[in-house]
Amino acid sequence: MSGAQAQDPRDRGGPAQPLLIVDNLRKHFPVRGGLLNRQVATVQAVDDLSFSVRKGETLGIVGESGCGKSTTARLLMRLVAPDAGSVVFDGDAVAERGGITVNEMRRQMQMVFQDSYSSLNPRMTMAESIAYAPRMHGIGRKEAYDRAEGLLSQVGLNPRQYARRYPHELSGGQRQRVNIARALALEPRLVILDEAVAALDKSVEAQVLNLLADLKEHFNLTYLFISHDLNVVEYMSDRVLVMYLGRVVEIGPVEQIYRKPRHPYTRALFASKPTLDPDRRTTEMPLTGDPPNPINPPSGCRFRTRCAFAQSVCAEKLPVLAAPLDGDTDTDLPHLVACHVPEAQAAMGHAAMGVHHA
């Protein structure tokens, strides 16, 4: 974290206090059916999710489609109301009473979505879209538009060319740059990037990633970076959180997670990465079977039905995040894993991940 960020007048607790603390966040969506449209089941999208984000870092979140990554982002922004759990932003609980309100939190926490086109109002120019939030928060028209033009320049778009254009007149990469500028319009401290480069081709993706890195340093930002692209997450992140079926299975520094993953699911996830290196190719599937139905997830460890190391304890007891059983962890940035089985944590390489029912 830079010294400039530590001197931010909005910094309440200093560099040692996490910017964001999420504790036991939960969201279950009802499934309705029948003639009376009654609730017949529940989708456990996010279940007792807990983590923290340090000031100035980038925390990457990875996992299979449907594991709850995007739902987590929407819960943090309160675009979806959580069923349970708490969020603390720089020492203040996000609540209508006894903390900061959702609107106050959103002034300091913004989000960039995957779909650059649907994120923008087709009837508003780029300058109007960027200036909208500052104007809604009481900033005068001229100041808001001056800020919008300055941010367009900051993201690499000449305001003389792009300020008065509409979304359909821009490419996907240009629209995503506008979305990034719009997210910065309220001068936030934390930006959630939900698959922000997933829809871009690789050359444009690289440009946007470099832009995000530059903006992070320039504005002293903290990122929550959600992506299915493991290479991009490795490039951008300081720490990585791995999700499986609504729960955290592993979290730690990016170097430890990528070089020595401890959870069988994390290893299977990394083994599935495509590679151009013929010496690193594998003909065996790193993981078999589909994720369990989130309406009726397995008891205990949710990964046990696909894990080659599953034992009876895995079905009986929910594993909690803890230091690896061999004690190989960093006390400052701990590497935590939710796994009962020492052999599973110690196994390295492309272990066979056959289906095994505990």
Foldseek 3Di string as FASTA:
>chain_A
DDPVVQPPPVQDPGQVFFQKWWFQWWDKAFQFDDPVRDGDFIFGQAGGATDTFGFLFEEEEAEDPSLNPVVVVCCVLVVDPTPDTWMAGNNFTADPPRGHDSVVQLLAEEEQEAQLQVVDDQVAFLLCLLLVVVVVVPDDPVVSSVLSQVQCVLLPHHCVPGRGDGSVVDDRLSSLSSSVSSSPSSLHQEYEYANSCVPDDDVSSVSVLVSVVVCCVVSSHYYHYYHHQPVSCLVRGQKYFYGGNNYTFKIWGSVCCQPQNFALVSQLSNLPDDDPDPVSDDPDRLWDDDQDRSRDAQAADSCQQQAPPDDPVRRVHHFDWDAQPVNPADPVTGITGRDDDNVSRPDDDSDRRHGDDD
